[in-house]
């Protein structure tokens, strides 16, 4: 019988796919009750309060934005 050497991978292969994406911005807590902020893209109500700072997106636009900015590979 012959023994096989364990496979080794280059150091660059161990880089995770998430390392090419920027760190996500802090997200506001979802609001329990209205008034809700309008989505900046489609003007639909979001799950965030109107007082939330920054860009507020509805779940559909948030998912589409994540698809556009995801790493391809």
PDB file of N, CA and C in Angstrom:
ATOM      1  N   UNK A   1       0.830  -1.182   0.000  1.00  0.00           N
ATOM      2  CA  UNK A   1       0.000   0.000   0.000  1.00  0.00           C
ATOM      3  C   UNK A   1       0.880   1.252   0.000  1.00  0.00           C
ATOM      4  N   UNK A   2       0.374   2.266  -0.654  1.00  0.00           N
ATOM      5  CA  UNK A   2       1.092   3.530  -0.655  1.00  0.00           C
ATOM      6  C   UNK A   2       0.254   4.574   0.056  1.00  0.00           C
ATOM      7  N   UNK A   3       0.906   5.427   0.769  1.00  0.00           N
ATOM      8  CA  UNK A   3       0.206   6.498   1.471  1.00  0.00           C
ATOM      9  C   UNK A   3       0.216   7.745   0.599  1.00  0.00           C
ATOM     10  N   UNK A   4      -0.867   8.481   0.661  1.00  0.00           N
ATOM     11  CA  UNK A   4      -0.939   9.716  -0.105  1.00  0.00           C
ATOM     12  C   UNK A   4      -0.743  10.886   0.848  1.00  0.00           C
ATOM     13  N   UNK A   5      -0.089  11.902   0.353  1.00  0.00           N
ATOM     14  CA  UNK A   5       0.141  13.103   1.156  1.00  0.00           C
ATOM     15  C   UNK A   5      -1.157  13.889   1.244  1.00  0.00           C
ATOM     16  N   UNK A   6      -1.402  14.530   2.368  1.00  0.00           N
ATOM     17  CA  UNK A   6      -2.615  15.346   2.473  1.00  0.00           C
ATOM     18  C   UNK A   6      -2.569  16.490   1.461  1.00  0.00           C
ATOM     19  N   UNK A   7      -3.736  16.822   0.932  1.00  0.00           N
ATOM     20  CA  UNK A   7      -3.813  17.901  -0.041  1.00  0.00           C
ATOM     21  C   UNK A   7      -3.632  19.233   0.660  1.00  0.00           C
ATOM     22  N   UNK A   8      -2.893  20.098   0.007  1.00  0.00           N
ATOM     23  CA  UNK A   8      -2.718  21.442   0.549  1.00  0.00           C
ATOM     24  C   UNK A   8      -3.300  22.432  -0.436  1.00  0.00           C
ATOM     25  N   UNK A   9      -3.772  23.533   0.087  1.00  0.00           N
ATOM     26  CA  UNK A   9      -4.339  24.571  -0.758  1.00  0.00           C
ATOM     27  C   UNK A   9      -3.535  25.835  -0.571  1.00  0.00           C
ATOM     28  N   UNK A  10      -3.425  26.644  -1.609  1.00  0.00           N
ATOM     29  CA  UNK A  10      -2.705  27.910  -1.447  1.00  0.00           C
ATOM     30  C   UNK A  10      -3.417  28.814  -0.453  1.00  0.00           C
ATOM     31  N   UNK A  11      -2.670  29.706   0.154  1.00  0.00           N
ATOM     32  CA  UNK A  11      -3.240  30.614   1.159  1.00  0.00           C
ATOM     33  C   UNK A  11      -4.336  31.475   0.569  1.00  0.00           C
ATOM     34  N   UNK A  12      -4.227  31.827  -0.703  1.00  0.00           N
ATOM     35  CA  UNK A  12      -5.244  32.678  -1.320  1.00  0.00           C
ATOM     36  C   UNK A  12      -6.575  31.950  -1.486  1.00  0.00           C
ATOM     37  N   UNK A  13      -6.575  30.624  -1.497  1.00  0.00           N
ATOM     38  CA  UNK A  13      -7.817  29.873  -1.653  1.00  0.00           C
ATOM     39  C   UNK A  13      -8.648  29.878  -0.378  1.00  0.00           C
ATOM     40  N   UNK A  14      -8.027  30.195   0.754  1.00  0.00           N
ATOM     41  CA  UNK A  14      -8.764  30.171   2.008  1.00  0.00           C
ATOM     42  C   UNK A  14      -9.514  31.477   2.279  1.00  0.00           C
ATOM     43  N   UNK A  15      -9.409  32.445   1.404  1.00  0.00           N
ATOM     44  CA  UNK A  15     -10.118  33.715   1.572  1.00  0.00           C
ATOM     45  C   UNK A  15     -11.599  33.468   1.351  1.00  0.00           C
ATOM     46  N   UNK A  16     -12.409  33.904   2.279  1.00  0.00           N
ATOM     47  CA  UNK A  16     -13.846  33.665   2.166  1.00  0.00           C
ATOM     48  C   UNK A  16     -14.462  34.582   1.130  1.00  0.00           C
ATOM     49  N   UNK A  17     -15.600  34.162   0.590  1.00  0.00           N
ATOM     50  CA  UNK A  17     -16.301  34.948  -0.426  1.00  0.00           C
ATOM     51  C   UNK A  17     -16.821  36.250   0.142  1.00  0.00           C
ATOM     52  N   UNK A  18     -17.050  36.301   1.444  1.00  0.00           N
ATOM     53  CA  UNK A  18     -17.601  37.514   2.034  1.00  0.00           C
ATOM     54  C   UNK A  18     -16.557  38.606   2.205  1.00  0.00           C
ATOM     55  N   UNK A  19     -15.281  38.295   1.992  1.00  0.00           N
ATOM     56  CA  UNK A  19     -14.254  39.304   2.201  1.00  0.00           C
ATOM     57  C   UNK A  19     -14.257  40.374   1.117  1.00  0.00           C
ATOM     58  N   UNK A  20     -14.884  40.119  -0.018  1.00  0.00           N
ATOM     59  CA  UNK A  20     -14.901  41.124  -1.077  1.00  0.00           C
ATOM     60  C   UNK A  20     -16.038  42.118  -0.902  1.00  0.00           C
ATOM     61  N   UNK A  21     -16.947  41.862   0.002  1.00  0.00           N
ATOM     62  CA  UNK A  21     -18.069  42.772   0.231  1.00  0.00           C
ATOM     63  C   UNK A  21     -17.743  43.706   1.385  1.00  0.00           C
ATOM     64  N   UNK A  22     -18.183  44.960   1.287  1.00  0.00           N
ATOM     65  CA  UNK A  22     -17.963  45.866   2.414  1.00  0.00           C
ATOM     66  C   UNK A  22     -18.812  45.446   3.602  1.00  0.00           C
ATOM     67  N   UNK A  23     -18.392  45.851   4.766  1.00  0.00           N
ATOM     68  CA  UNK A  23     -19.155  45.528   5.970  1.00  0.00           C
ATOM     69  C   UNK A  23     -20.521  46.205   5.897  1.00  0.00           C
ATOM     70  N   UNK A  24     -21.576  45.507   6.284  1.00  0.00           N
ATOM     71  CA  UNK A  24     -22.897  46.125   6.224  1.00  0.00           C
ATOM     72  C   UNK A  24     -23.017  47.286   7.207  1.00  0.00           C
ATOM     73  N   UNK A  25     -23.760  48.273   6.786  1.00  0.00           N
ATOM     74  CA  UNK A  25     -23.990  49.432   7.651  1.00  0.00           C
ATOM     75  C   UNK A  25     -24.921  49.028   8.790  1.00  0.00           C
ATOM     76  N   UNK A  26     -24.807  49.672   9.932  1.00  0.00           N
ATOM     77  CA  UNK A  26     -25.729  49.356  11.028  1.00  0.00           C
ATOM     78  C   UNK A  26     -27.161  49.660  10.606  1.00  0.00           C
ATOM     79  N   UNK A  27     -28.056  48.746  10.926  1.00  0.00           N
ATOM     80  CA  UNK A  27     -29.450  48.906  10.522  1.00  0.00           C
ATOM     81  C   UNK A  27     -30.282  49.310  11.718  1.00  0.00           C
ATOM     82  N   UNK A  28     -31.256  50.190  11.507  1.00  0.00           N
ATOM     83  CA  UNK A  28     -32.124  50.579  12.618  1.00  0.00           C
ATOM     84  C   UNK A  28     -33.029  49.419  13.008  1.00  0.00           C
ATOM     85  N   UNK A  29     -33.508  49.458  14.233  1.00  0.00           N
ATOM     86  CA  UNK A  29     -34.443  48.444  14.704  1.00  0.00           C
ATOM     87  C   UNK A  29     -35.779  48.613  13.991  1.00  0.00           C
ATOM     88  N   UNK A  30     -36.442  47.505  13.599  1.00  0.00           N
ATOM     89  CA  UNK A  30     -37.771  47.622  12.993  1.00  0.00           C
ATOM     90  C   UNK A  30     -38.753  48.266  13.966  1.00  0.00           C
ATOM     91  N   UNK A  31     -39.655  49.027  13.416  1.00  0.00           N
ATOM     92  CA  UNK A  31     -40.646  49.728  14.233  1.00  0.00           C
ATOM     93  C   UNK A  31     -41.801  48.785  14.567  1.00  0.00           C
ATOM     94  N   UNK A  32     -42.273  48.847  15.796  1.00  0.00           N
ATOM     95  CA  UNK A  32     -43.415  48.030  16.204  1.00  0.00           C
ATOM     96  C   UNK A  32     -44.720  48.639  15.680  1.00  0.00           C
ATOM     97  N   UNK A  33     -44.791  49.960  15.670  1.00  0.00           N
ATOM     98  CA  UNK A  33     -45.978  50.668  15.204  1.00  0.00           C
ATOM     99  C   UNK A  33     -45.545  51.835  14.333  1.00  0.00           C
ATOM    100  N   UNK A  34     -46.449  52.364  13.518  1.00  0.00           N
ATOM    101  CA  UNK A  34     -46.157  53.471  12.612  1.00  0.00           C
ATOM    102  C   UNK A  34     -45.870  54.748  13.362  1.00  0.00           C
ATOM    103  N   UNK A  35     -45.549  55.802  12.677  1.00  0.00           N
ATOM    104  CA  UNK A  35     -45.481  55.890  11.225  1.00  0.00           C
ATOM    105  C   UNK A  35     -44.189  55.262  10.687  1.00  0.00           C
ATOM    106  N   UNK A  36     -44.298  54.646   9.516  1.00  0.00           N
ATOM    107  CA  UNK A  36     -43.175  53.958   8.907  1.00  0.00           C
ATOM    108  C   UNK A  36     -42.527  54.837   7.841  1.00  0.00           C
ATOM    109  N   UNK A  37     -41.215  54.667   7.673  1.00  0.00           N
ATOM    110  CA  UNK A  37     -40.484  55.410   6.653  1.00  0.00           C
ATOM    111  C   UNK A  37     -40.847  54.870   5.273  1.00  0.00           C
ATOM    112  N   UNK A  38     -40.791  55.734   4.266  1.00  0.00           N
ATOM    113  CA  UNK A  38     -41.047  55.326   2.880  1.00  0.00           C
ATOM    114  C   UNK A  38     -39.727  54.853   2.262  1.00  0.00           C
ATOM    115  N   UNK A  39     -39.808  53.841   1.415  1.00  0.00           N
ATOM    116  CA  UNK A  39     -38.643  53.340   0.683  1.00  0.00           C
ATOM    117  C   UNK A  39     -38.136  54.456  -0.230  1.00  0.00           C
ATOM    118  N   UNK A  40     -36.829  54.668  -0.258  1.00  0.00           N
ATOM    119  CA  UNK A  40     -36.284  55.740  -1.087  1.00  0.00           C
ATOM    120  C   UNK A  40     -36.322  55.405  -2.571  1.00  0.00           C
ATOM    121  N   UNK A  41     -36.535  54.150  -2.923  1.00  0.00           N
ATOM    122  CA  UNK A  41     -36.579  53.766  -4.333  1.00  0.00           C
ATOM    123  C   UNK A  41     -37.990  53.674  -4.892  1.00  0.00           C
ATOM    124  N   UNK A  42     -38.914  53.063  -4.135  1.00  0.00           N
ATOM    125  CA  UNK A  42     -40.262  52.830  -4.681  1.00  0.00           C
ATOM    126  C   UNK A  42     -41.371  53.524  -3.890  1.00  0.00           C
ATOM    127  N   UNK A  43     -41.020  54.170  -2.788  1.00  0.00           N
ATOM    128  CA  UNK A  43     -41.959  54.905  -1.923  1.00  0.00           C
ATOM    129  C   UNK A  43     -42.961  54.014  -1.183  1.00  0.00           C
ATOM    130  N   UNK A  44     -42.776  52.703  -1.187  1.00  0.00           N
ATOM    131  CA  UNK A  44     -43.607  51.801  -0.390  1.00  0.00           C
ATOM    132  C   UNK A  44     -43.189  51.927   1.077  1.00  0.00           C
ATOM    133  N   UNK A  45     -44.104  51.652   2.015  1.00  0.00           N
ATOM    134  CA  UNK A  45     -43.714  51.712   3.430  1.00  0.00           C
ATOM    135  C   UNK A  45     -42.682  50.630   3.756  1.00  0.00           C
ATOM    136  N   UNK A  46     -41.763  50.959   4.647  1.00  0.00           N
ATOM    137  CA  UNK A  46     -40.744  50.004   5.075  1.00  0.00           C
ATOM    138  C   UNK A  46     -41.097  49.495   6.464  1.00  0.00           C
ATOM    139  N   UNK A  47     -40.239  48.658   7.010  1.00  0.00           N
ATOM    140  CA  UNK A  47     -40.448  48.166   8.374  1.00  0.00           C
ATOM    141  C   UNK A  47     -39.756  49.063   9.393  1.00  0.00           C
ATOM    142  N   UNK A  48     -39.141  50.155   8.939  1.00  0.00           N
ATOM    143  CA  UNK A  48     -38.395  51.048   9.812  1.00  0.00           C
ATOM    144  C   UNK A  48     -39.224  52.279  10.177  1.00  0.00           C
ATOM    145  N   UNK A  49     -38.967  52.861  11.341  1.00  0.00           N
ATOM    146  CA  UNK A  49     -39.709  54.065  11.733  1.00  0.00           C
ATOM    147  C   UNK A  49     -39.302  55.252  10.862  1.00  0.00           C
ATOM    148  N   UNK A  50     -40.177  56.216  10.768  1.00  0.00           N
ATOM    149  CA  UNK A  50     -39.899  57.412   9.970  1.00  0.00           C
ATOM    150  C   UNK A  50     -38.692  58.175  10.509  1.00  0.00           C
ATOM    151  N   UNK A  51     -38.395  58.015  11.782  1.00  0.00           N
ATOM    152  CA  UNK A  51     -37.263  58.719  12.395  1.00  0.00           C
ATOM    153  C   UNK A  51     -35.915  58.054  12.116  1.00  0.00           C
ATOM    154  N   UNK A  52     -35.891  56.906  11.407  1.00  0.00           N
ATOM    155  CA  UNK A  52     -34.636  56.204  11.125  1.00  0.00           C
ATOM    156  C   UNK A  52     -33.754  57.059  10.220  1.00  0.00           C
ATOM    157  N   UNK A  53     -32.475  57.121  10.540  1.00  0.00           N
ATOM    158  CA  UNK A  53     -31.536  57.902   9.742  1.00  0.00           C
ATOM    159  C   UNK A  53     -30.962  57.031   8.628  1.00  0.00           C
ATOM    160  N   UNK A  54     -30.583  57.664   7.538  1.00  0.00           N
ATOM    161  CA  UNK A  54     -29.957  56.947   6.432  1.00  0.00           C
ATOM    162  C   UNK A  54     -30.973  56.477   5.409  1.00  0.00           C
ATOM    163  N   UNK A  55     -30.519  55.638   4.502  1.00  0.00           N
ATOM    164  CA  UNK A  55     -31.355  55.126   3.423  1.00  0.00           C
ATOM    165  C   UNK A  55     -32.245  54.019   3.955  1.00  0.00           C
ATOM    166  N   UNK A  56     -33.552  54.157   3.769  1.00  0.00           N
ATOM    167  CA  UNK A  56     -34.486  53.107   4.175  1.00  0.00           C
ATOM    168  C   UNK A  56     -35.062  52.466   2.922  1.00  0.00           C
ATOM    169  N   UNK A  57     -35.006  51.145   2.881  1.00  0.00           N
ATOM    170  CA  UNK A  57     -35.504  50.387   1.742  1.00  0.00           C
ATOM    171  C   UNK A  57     -36.572  49.408   2.210  1.00  0.00           C
ATOM    172  N   UNK A  58     -37.573  49.172   1.351  1.00  0.00           N
ATOM    173  CA  UNK A  58     -38.575  48.150   1.644  1.00  0.00           C
ATOM    174  C   UNK A  58     -37.903  46.785   1.465  1.00  0.00           C
ATOM    175  N   UNK A  59     -38.507  45.705   1.945  1.00  0.00           N
ATOM    176  CA  UNK A  59     -37.874  44.394   1.826  1.00  0.00           C
ATOM    177  C   UNK A  59     -37.556  43.996   0.381  1.00  0.00           C
ATOM    178  N   UNK A  60     -38.410  44.337  -0.562  1.00  0.00           N
ATOM    179  CA  UNK A  60     -38.172  43.967  -1.964  1.00  0.00           C
ATOM    180  C   UNK A  60     -36.962  44.716  -2.514  1.00  0.00           C
ATOM    181  N   UNK A  61     -36.918  46.028  -2.323  1.00  0.00           N
ATOM    182  CA  UNK A  61     -35.791  46.822  -2.818  1.00  0.00           C
ATOM    183  C   UNK A  61     -34.502  46.464  -2.093  1.00  0.00           C
ATOM    184  N   UNK A  62     -34.590  46.138  -0.802  1.00  0.00           N
ATOM    185  CA  UNK A  62     -33.417  45.741  -0.037  1.00  0.00           C
ATOM    186  C   UNK A  62     -32.835  44.444  -0.603  1.00  0.00           C
ATOM    187  N   UNK A  63     -33.686  43.495  -0.945  1.00  0.00           N
ATOM    188  CA  UNK A  63     -33.239  42.231  -1.529  1.00  0.00           C
ATOM    189  C   UNK A  63     -32.621  42.463  -2.908  1.00  0.00           C
ATOM    190  N   UNK A  64     -33.261  43.302  -3.727  1.00  0.00           N
ATOM    191  CA  UNK A  64     -32.728  43.592  -5.061  1.00  0.00           C
ATOM    192  C   UNK A  64     -31.380  44.302  -4.970  1.00  0.00           C
ATOM    193  N   UNK A  65     -31.236  45.221  -4.030  1.00  0.00           N
ATOM    194  CA  UNK A  65     -29.971  45.918  -3.842  1.00  0.00           C
ATOM    195  C   UNK A  65     -28.879  44.939  -3.407  1.00  0.00           C
ATOM    196  N   UNK A  66     -29.217  44.002  -2.548  1.00  0.00           N
ATOM    197  CA  UNK A  66     -28.250  42.992  -2.124  1.00  0.00           C
ATOM    198  C   UNK A  66     -27.821  42.122  -3.299  1.00  0.00           C
ATOM    199  N   UNK A  67     -28.742  41.807  -4.201  1.00  0.00           N
ATOM    200  CA  UNK A  67     -28.403  41.026  -5.388  1.00  0.00           C
ATOM    201  C   UNK A  67     -27.461  41.811  -6.306  1.00  0.00           C
ATOM    202  N   UNK A  68     -27.694  43.096  -6.440  1.00  0.00           N
ATOM    203  CA  UNK A  68     -26.848  43.919  -7.328  1.00  0.00           C
ATOM    204  C   UNK A  68     -25.439  44.072  -6.776  1.00  0.00           C
ATOM    205  N   UNK A  69     -25.315  44.153  -5.471  1.00  0.00           N
ATOM    206  CA  UNK A  69     -24.021  44.422  -4.873  1.00  0.00           C
ATOM    207  C   UNK A  69     -23.292  43.157  -4.424  1.00  0.00           C
ATOM    208  N   UNK A  70     -23.905  42.000  -4.588  1.00  0.00           N
ATOM    209  CA  UNK A  70     -23.273  40.752  -4.159  1.00  0.00           C
ATOM    210  C   UNK A  70     -22.063  40.445  -5.036  1.00  0.00           C
ATOM    211  N   UNK A  71     -21.122  39.744  -4.462  1.00  0.00           N
ATOM    212  CA  UNK A  71     -19.936  39.348  -5.219  1.00  0.00           C
ATOM    213  C   UNK A  71     -20.314  38.310  -6.260  1.00  0.00           C
ATOM    214  N   UNK A  72     -19.778  38.446  -7.421  1.00  0.00           N
ATOM    215  CA  UNK A  72     -19.987  37.410  -8.429  1.00  0.00           C
ATOM    216  C   UNK A  72     -18.720  36.556  -8.459  1.00  0.00           C
ATOM    217  N   UNK A  73     -18.911  35.300  -8.682  1.00  0.00           N
ATOM    218  CA  UNK A  73     -17.682  34.581  -8.632  1.00  0.00           C
ATOM    219  C   UNK A  73     -17.753  33.183  -8.963  1.00  0.00           C
TER     220      UNK A  73
END
